[in-house]
N, C-alpha and C. Protein backbone atom coordinates (compact mmCIF):
# COMPACT_ATOMS: atom_id res chain seq x y z
N MET A 1 6.06 -1.08 9.75
CA MET A 1 5.94 -2.37 9.29
C MET A 1 6.54 -3.29 10.41
N PHE A 2 5.78 -4.55 10.37
CA PHE A 2 6.36 -5.55 11.17
C PHE A 2 6.15 -6.84 10.35
N GLN A 3 6.94 -7.82 11.11
CA GLN A 3 7.03 -9.12 10.40
C GLN A 3 6.09 -10.19 11.19
N ASP A 4 5.32 -10.95 10.61
CA ASP A 4 4.45 -11.79 11.02
C ASP A 4 4.64 -13.15 10.57
N GLY A 5 5.56 -13.95 11.21
CA GLY A 5 5.95 -15.16 10.53
C GLY A 5 6.92 -14.67 9.53
N ARG A 6 6.53 -15.33 8.23
CA ARG A 6 7.28 -15.07 7.05
C ARG A 6 6.69 -13.75 6.26
N GLU A 7 5.64 -13.30 6.82
CA GLU A 7 5.03 -12.08 6.02
C GLU A 7 5.46 -10.84 6.57
N LEU A 8 5.46 -9.99 5.69
CA LEU A 8 5.62 -8.44 6.08
C LEU A 8 4.28 -7.91 6.21
N VAL A 9 4.11 -6.97 7.13
CA VAL A 9 2.85 -6.30 7.40
C VAL A 9 3.10 -4.76 7.37
N PRO A 10 2.88 -4.17 6.22
CA PRO A 10 3.01 -2.63 6.16
C PRO A 10 1.97 -1.89 6.87
N VAL A 11 2.19 -0.85 7.56
CA VAL A 11 1.24 -0.08 8.16
C VAL A 11 1.56 1.35 7.88
N GLU A 12 0.64 2.12 7.17
CA GLU A 12 0.85 3.42 6.98
C GLU A 12 -0.25 4.40 7.79
N ILE A 13 0.41 5.43 8.29
CA ILE A 13 -0.52 6.33 9.21
C ILE A 13 -0.85 7.63 8.48
N LYS A 14 -2.07 8.13 8.36
CA LYS A 14 -2.33 9.40 7.89
C LYS A 14 -3.06 10.11 8.73
N SER A 15 -3.06 11.46 8.61
CA SER A 15 -3.76 12.40 9.53
C SER A 15 -5.22 12.79 9.12
N ALA A 16 -5.65 12.09 7.93
CA ALA A 16 -6.99 12.59 7.48
C ALA A 16 -8.10 11.95 8.38
N SER A 17 -9.12 12.61 8.23
CA SER A 17 -10.35 12.02 8.97
C SER A 17 -11.36 11.33 8.11
N THR A 18 -11.07 11.58 6.67
CA THR A 18 -11.95 11.04 5.77
C THR A 18 -10.97 10.07 4.89
N PHE A 19 -11.74 8.85 4.42
CA PHE A 19 -10.82 7.83 3.73
C PHE A 19 -10.90 8.22 2.21
N SER A 20 -9.83 8.15 1.27
CA SER A 20 -9.60 8.17 0.10
C SER A 20 -8.88 7.09 -0.43
N PHE A 21 -9.32 6.41 -1.52
CA PHE A 21 -8.41 5.17 -2.10
C PHE A 21 -6.98 5.86 -2.48
N SER A 22 -6.83 7.21 -2.63
CA SER A 22 -5.60 7.73 -3.21
C SER A 22 -4.53 7.64 -1.96
N GLN A 23 -5.10 7.41 -0.80
CA GLN A 23 -4.23 7.10 0.46
C GLN A 23 -3.53 6.02 0.30
N LEU A 24 -3.99 5.00 -0.45
CA LEU A 24 -3.41 3.68 -0.49
C LEU A 24 -2.24 3.61 -1.31
N LYS A 25 -1.88 4.59 -1.94
CA LYS A 25 -0.79 4.43 -3.20
C LYS A 25 0.48 4.04 -2.47
N GLY A 26 1.00 4.38 -1.39
CA GLY A 26 2.24 3.95 -0.84
C GLY A 26 2.19 2.57 -0.54
N LEU A 27 1.03 2.11 0.16
CA LEU A 27 0.77 0.75 0.40
C LEU A 27 0.94 -0.17 -0.80
N ASP A 28 0.13 0.34 -1.74
CA ASP A 28 0.09 -0.38 -3.04
C ASP A 28 1.45 -0.63 -3.85
N ARG A 29 2.19 0.47 -3.72
CA ARG A 29 3.50 0.51 -4.18
C ARG A 29 4.41 -0.54 -3.55
N PHE A 30 4.33 -0.45 -2.12
CA PHE A 30 5.12 -1.40 -1.50
C PHE A 30 4.72 -2.96 -1.64
N LYS A 31 3.47 -3.12 -1.89
CA LYS A 31 2.91 -4.43 -2.10
C LYS A 31 3.47 -5.06 -3.30
N LYS A 32 3.65 -4.26 -4.25
CA LYS A 32 4.19 -4.74 -5.57
C LYS A 32 5.50 -5.13 -5.58
N THR A 33 6.24 -4.69 -4.63
CA THR A 33 7.73 -4.98 -4.66
C THR A 33 8.13 -6.20 -3.77
N SER A 34 7.04 -6.75 -2.98
CA SER A 34 7.46 -8.03 -2.04
C SER A 34 6.16 -8.93 -2.32
N ASN A 35 6.67 -10.17 -2.36
CA ASN A 35 5.95 -11.19 -2.32
C ASN A 35 5.48 -11.67 -0.96
N ALA A 36 6.19 -11.13 0.04
CA ALA A 36 5.72 -11.74 1.46
C ALA A 36 4.78 -10.69 2.04
N VAL A 37 4.12 -9.86 1.37
CA VAL A 37 2.88 -9.13 1.98
C VAL A 37 1.51 -9.73 1.54
N ARG A 38 0.87 -10.05 2.61
CA ARG A 38 -0.46 -10.70 2.35
C ARG A 38 -1.58 -9.77 3.07
N LYS A 39 -1.24 -8.80 3.87
CA LYS A 39 -2.17 -7.78 4.44
C LYS A 39 -1.46 -6.62 4.77
N SER A 40 -2.21 -5.41 4.82
CA SER A 40 -1.69 -4.31 5.18
C SER A 40 -2.78 -3.42 5.93
N PHE A 41 -2.28 -2.33 6.50
CA PHE A 41 -3.25 -1.66 7.14
C PHE A 41 -2.88 0.04 6.97
N LEU A 42 -3.94 0.75 6.91
CA LEU A 42 -3.90 2.23 6.81
C LEU A 42 -4.57 2.72 8.11
N VAL A 43 -3.98 3.53 8.86
CA VAL A 43 -4.34 4.07 10.06
C VAL A 43 -4.64 5.55 9.93
N TYR A 44 -5.85 5.96 10.20
CA TYR A 44 -6.27 7.40 10.03
C TYR A 44 -7.45 7.77 11.14
N ASN A 45 -7.94 8.84 10.94
CA ASN A 45 -8.98 9.35 11.94
C ASN A 45 -10.28 9.06 11.55
N GLY A 46 -10.71 7.97 10.99
CA GLY A 46 -12.13 7.72 10.38
C GLY A 46 -12.63 6.49 10.82
N GLU A 47 -13.55 5.97 10.16
CA GLU A 47 -14.20 4.67 10.65
C GLU A 47 -13.42 3.43 10.06
N ASN A 48 -13.65 2.32 10.69
CA ASN A 48 -12.79 0.95 10.30
C ASN A 48 -13.54 0.51 8.96
N ARG A 49 -12.72 -0.02 8.19
CA ARG A 49 -13.36 -0.81 7.01
C ARG A 49 -12.22 -1.73 6.61
N LYS A 50 -12.68 -2.74 5.93
CA LYS A 50 -11.88 -3.93 5.31
C LYS A 50 -12.04 -3.83 4.02
N LEU A 51 -11.02 -3.67 3.14
CA LEU A 51 -10.98 -3.61 1.80
C LEU A 51 -10.78 -5.05 1.02
N SER A 52 -11.03 -5.16 -0.24
CA SER A 52 -11.13 -6.58 -0.77
C SER A 52 -9.68 -7.09 -1.03
N ASP A 53 -8.76 -6.07 -0.94
CA ASP A 53 -7.36 -6.64 -1.26
C ASP A 53 -6.46 -6.86 0.14
N ASN A 54 -7.35 -7.23 1.16
CA ASN A 54 -6.61 -7.57 2.31
C ASN A 54 -5.94 -6.30 2.97
N THR A 55 -6.37 -5.21 2.58
CA THR A 55 -5.90 -3.92 3.36
C THR A 55 -7.13 -3.63 4.43
N THR A 56 -6.71 -3.27 5.75
CA THR A 56 -7.69 -2.82 6.49
C THR A 56 -7.49 -1.44 6.94
N VAL A 57 -8.36 -0.60 6.83
CA VAL A 57 -8.42 0.75 7.11
C VAL A 57 -8.97 0.89 8.57
N ILE A 58 -8.10 1.49 9.55
CA ILE A 58 -8.70 1.44 10.82
C ILE A 58 -8.42 2.85 11.52
N ASN A 59 -9.27 3.23 12.45
CA ASN A 59 -9.16 4.44 13.17
C ASN A 59 -7.95 4.34 14.13
N PHE A 60 -7.32 5.27 14.33
CA PHE A 60 -5.96 5.27 15.19
C PHE A 60 -6.29 4.69 16.47
N THR A 61 -7.48 4.87 17.18
CA THR A 61 -7.96 4.56 18.41
C THR A 61 -8.03 2.94 18.53
N SER A 62 -8.10 2.14 17.24
CA SER A 62 -8.13 0.99 17.24
C SER A 62 -6.89 0.12 16.87
N VAL A 63 -5.66 0.90 16.92
CA VAL A 63 -4.51 0.46 16.37
C VAL A 63 -3.88 -0.75 17.02
N ASN A 64 -4.26 -1.00 18.21
CA ASN A 64 -3.86 -2.22 19.00
C ASN A 64 -4.43 -3.43 18.32
N SER A 65 -5.48 -3.35 17.79
CA SER A 65 -6.15 -4.52 17.01
C SER A 65 -5.39 -5.04 15.97
N ILE A 66 -4.54 -4.15 15.38
CA ILE A 66 -3.59 -4.82 14.28
C ILE A 66 -2.85 -5.92 14.78
N PHE A 67 -2.48 -6.05 16.10
CA PHE A 67 -1.83 -7.25 16.57
C PHE A 67 -2.61 -8.32 17.23
N ASP A 68 -3.99 -8.13 17.13
CA ASP A 68 -4.84 -9.08 17.69
C ASP A 68 -5.52 -9.91 16.66
N GLU A 69 -5.05 -11.17 16.35
CA GLU A 69 -5.59 -12.07 15.29
C GLU A 69 -6.92 -12.27 15.27
N ASN A 70 -7.65 -12.09 16.49
CA ASN A 70 -9.01 -12.33 16.60
C ASN A 70 -9.97 -11.21 16.45
N GLU A 71 -9.46 -10.04 16.13
CA GLU A 71 -10.15 -8.91 15.98
C GLU A 71 -11.21 -9.06 14.84
N SER A 72 -12.31 -8.66 15.07
CA SER A 72 -13.29 -8.56 13.90
C SER A 72 -13.35 -7.35 13.35
N PHE A 73 -13.30 -7.17 12.11
CA PHE A 73 -13.39 -5.90 11.24
C PHE A 73 -14.62 -5.99 10.32
N PRO A 74 -15.12 -4.87 9.75
CA PRO A 74 -16.14 -4.79 8.82
C PRO A 74 -15.91 -5.77 7.74
N GLN A 75 -16.88 -6.22 6.97
CA GLN A 75 -16.77 -6.92 5.94
C GLN A 75 -16.07 -6.20 4.69
N PRO A 76 -15.22 -6.95 3.87
CA PRO A 76 -14.62 -6.23 2.83
C PRO A 76 -15.51 -5.36 1.82
N SER A 77 -15.13 -4.06 1.46
CA SER A 77 -15.70 -3.48 0.48
C SER A 77 -14.87 -3.50 -0.82
N HIS A 78 -15.38 -3.61 -1.93
CA HIS A 78 -14.59 -3.64 -3.19
C HIS A 78 -14.14 -2.40 -3.74
N ARG A 79 -12.70 -2.55 -3.94
CA ARG A 79 -12.21 -1.16 -4.34
C ARG A 79 -12.54 -1.08 -5.64
N THR A 80 -12.89 0.37 -5.87
CA THR A 80 -13.29 0.85 -7.35
C THR A 80 -12.58 2.23 -7.46
N ALA A 81 -12.49 2.76 -8.57
CA ALA A 81 -11.95 3.95 -9.04
C ALA A 81 -12.66 4.94 -8.34
N GLU A 82 -11.89 6.00 -7.97
CA GLU A 82 -12.61 7.21 -7.33
C GLU A 82 -13.37 8.08 -8.20
């Protein structure tokens, strides 16, 4: 986790190479406890994607882009039940 101005930005790291919405449970739980969270990141060994709830799922090789405000990520995909 890091602070970006007044916002907290949680980052969770997983070893998986395939994405599953169940991997977001920890981030979702944390976001419910704080009004200071506007975006979050899940780092894993798969493809980059942007979800509709301001969560960005990124490959570990792109982790530096978390700190680059101008980084371009894929368009949001809407979260649905698995």
